[in-house]
Amino acid sequence: MAGFALSCLLTLPPWPMYRHNPLKWLPVQESGTEDKKPAERKLKRHTKN
């Protein structure tokens, strides 16, 4: 229980040492699959060997 409390104390608050080099996330990219109809998608069929 003490280890859990210590790890929460170290990781949950927004400490300045963790915010020194923030991660830069990529912007959301639209894949374009929502506007395709299911019939237009190519279905992969597995062949038996």
N, C-alpha and C. Protein backbone atom coordinates (compact mmCIF):
# COMPACT_ATOMS: atom_id res chain seq x y z
N MET A 1 0.83 -1.19 0.00
CA MET A 1 0.00 0.00 0.00
C MET A 1 0.88 1.26 0.00
N ALA A 2 1.98 1.20 0.72
CA ALA A 2 2.88 2.36 0.78
C ALA A 2 3.54 2.59 -0.58
N GLY A 3 3.88 1.52 -1.28
CA GLY A 3 4.48 1.66 -2.61
C GLY A 3 3.51 2.28 -3.61
N PHE A 4 2.24 1.91 -3.51
CA PHE A 4 1.22 2.49 -4.38
C PHE A 4 1.06 3.98 -4.09
N ALA A 5 1.02 4.35 -2.83
CA ALA A 5 0.89 5.76 -2.45
C ALA A 5 2.10 6.57 -2.92
N LEU A 6 3.28 6.02 -2.78
CA LEU A 6 4.49 6.71 -3.23
C LEU A 6 4.51 6.88 -4.74
N SER A 7 4.13 5.83 -5.47
CA SER A 7 4.14 5.95 -6.93
C SER A 7 3.07 6.93 -7.41
N CYS A 8 1.92 6.99 -6.75
CA CYS A 8 0.89 7.98 -7.11
C CYS A 8 1.39 9.39 -6.83
N LEU A 9 2.08 9.58 -5.72
CA LEU A 9 2.61 10.89 -5.38
C LEU A 9 3.65 11.36 -6.39
N LEU A 10 4.43 10.43 -6.93
CA LEU A 10 5.48 10.80 -7.88
C LEU A 10 4.96 11.02 -9.30
N THR A 11 3.88 10.35 -9.68
CA THR A 11 3.46 10.40 -11.09
C THR A 11 2.20 11.20 -11.36
N LEU A 12 1.28 11.32 -10.42
CA LEU A 12 0.01 11.97 -10.71
C LEU A 12 0.07 13.50 -10.74
N PRO A 13 0.75 14.19 -9.82
CA PRO A 13 0.77 15.65 -9.90
C PRO A 13 1.57 16.12 -11.12
N PRO A 14 1.21 17.27 -11.68
CA PRO A 14 1.95 17.80 -12.84
C PRO A 14 3.26 18.47 -12.40
N TRP A 15 4.23 17.68 -12.07
CA TRP A 15 5.51 18.19 -11.61
C TRP A 15 6.23 18.92 -12.74
N PRO A 16 6.95 20.01 -12.45
CA PRO A 16 7.69 20.75 -13.50
C PRO A 16 8.77 19.91 -14.16
N MET A 17 9.33 18.95 -13.45
CA MET A 17 10.39 18.12 -14.06
C MET A 17 9.83 17.24 -15.18
N TYR A 18 8.56 16.87 -15.08
CA TYR A 18 7.95 16.07 -16.14
C TYR A 18 7.47 16.93 -17.29
N ARG A 19 7.17 18.20 -17.03
CA ARG A 19 6.63 19.09 -18.05
C ARG A 19 7.73 19.88 -18.76
N HIS A 20 8.99 19.59 -18.46
CA HIS A 20 10.12 20.32 -19.05
C HIS A 20 10.20 20.10 -20.56
N ASN A 21 10.07 18.89 -21.02
CA ASN A 21 10.11 18.56 -22.45
C ASN A 21 8.80 17.87 -22.85
N PRO A 22 7.75 18.65 -23.15
CA PRO A 22 6.46 18.01 -23.47
C PRO A 22 6.51 17.31 -24.82
N LEU A 23 5.70 16.28 -24.96
CA LEU A 23 5.60 15.56 -26.21
C LEU A 23 4.76 16.35 -27.20
N LYS A 24 5.18 16.34 -28.46
CA LYS A 24 4.41 17.01 -29.50
C LYS A 24 3.68 15.92 -30.28
N TRP A 25 2.36 15.91 -30.16
CA TRP A 25 1.55 14.89 -30.78
C TRP A 25 1.25 15.27 -32.22
N LEU A 26 1.08 14.28 -33.06
CA LEU A 26 0.72 14.52 -34.45
C LEU A 26 -0.74 14.94 -34.53
N PRO A 27 -1.06 15.77 -35.52
CA PRO A 27 -2.47 16.14 -35.68
C PRO A 27 -3.29 14.95 -36.18
N VAL A 28 -4.58 15.01 -35.95
CA VAL A 28 -5.48 13.94 -36.37
C VAL A 28 -5.57 13.94 -37.89
N GLN A 29 -5.39 12.78 -38.49
CA GLN A 29 -5.47 12.66 -39.94
C GLN A 29 -6.71 11.86 -40.30
N GLU A 30 -7.45 12.37 -41.25
CA GLU A 30 -8.62 11.67 -41.73
C GLU A 30 -8.19 10.55 -42.66
N SER A 31 -8.65 9.34 -42.41
CA SER A 31 -8.24 8.22 -43.24
C SER A 31 -9.09 8.11 -44.50
N GLY A 32 -10.29 8.65 -44.49
CA GLY A 32 -11.14 8.60 -45.66
C GLY A 32 -11.91 7.31 -45.82
N THR A 33 -11.89 6.43 -44.83
CA THR A 33 -12.60 5.16 -44.96
C THR A 33 -14.07 5.29 -44.57
N GLU A 34 -14.43 6.37 -43.90
CA GLU A 34 -15.82 6.51 -43.48
C GLU A 34 -16.75 6.79 -44.65
N ASP A 35 -16.25 7.49 -45.69
CA ASP A 35 -17.14 7.86 -46.79
C ASP A 35 -17.28 6.77 -47.84
N LYS A 36 -16.53 5.69 -47.74
CA LYS A 36 -16.66 4.60 -48.69
C LYS A 36 -17.81 3.68 -48.30
N LYS A 37 -18.49 3.18 -49.28
CA LYS A 37 -19.55 2.22 -49.01
C LYS A 37 -18.94 0.85 -48.80
N PRO A 38 -19.59 -0.02 -48.06
CA PRO A 38 -19.02 -1.36 -47.83
C PRO A 38 -18.82 -2.14 -49.12
N ALA A 39 -19.63 -1.90 -50.14
CA ALA A 39 -19.49 -2.64 -51.39
C ALA A 39 -18.25 -2.18 -52.16
N GLU A 40 -17.78 -0.96 -51.92
CA GLU A 40 -16.62 -0.44 -52.63
C GLU A 40 -15.30 -0.94 -52.05
N ARG A 41 -15.33 -1.42 -50.83
CA ARG A 41 -14.11 -1.92 -50.20
C ARG A 41 -13.76 -3.27 -50.79
N LYS A 42 -12.46 -3.50 -50.95
CA LYS A 42 -12.01 -4.79 -51.47
C LYS A 42 -11.91 -5.77 -50.31
N LEU A 43 -12.56 -6.89 -50.47
CA LEU A 43 -12.50 -7.93 -49.45
C LEU A 43 -11.40 -8.91 -49.80
N LYS A 44 -10.62 -9.26 -48.80
CA LYS A 44 -9.57 -10.24 -49.02
C LYS A 44 -10.14 -11.63 -48.78
N ARG A 45 -9.95 -12.48 -49.72
CA ARG A 45 -10.41 -13.86 -49.57
C ARG A 45 -9.19 -14.76 -49.48
N HIS A 46 -9.21 -15.58 -48.52
CA HIS A 46 -8.09 -16.52 -48.32
C HIS A 46 -8.35 -17.76 -49.14
N THR A 47 -7.34 -18.18 -49.85
CA THR A 47 -7.48 -19.41 -50.64
C THR A 47 -6.88 -20.56 -49.86
N LYS A 48 -7.47 -21.70 -50.04
CA LYS A 48 -6.97 -22.90 -49.37
C LYS A 48 -5.86 -23.50 -50.22
N ASN A 49 -4.77 -23.85 -49.57
CA ASN A 49 -3.64 -24.43 -50.29
C ASN A 49 -3.74 -25.93 -50.35
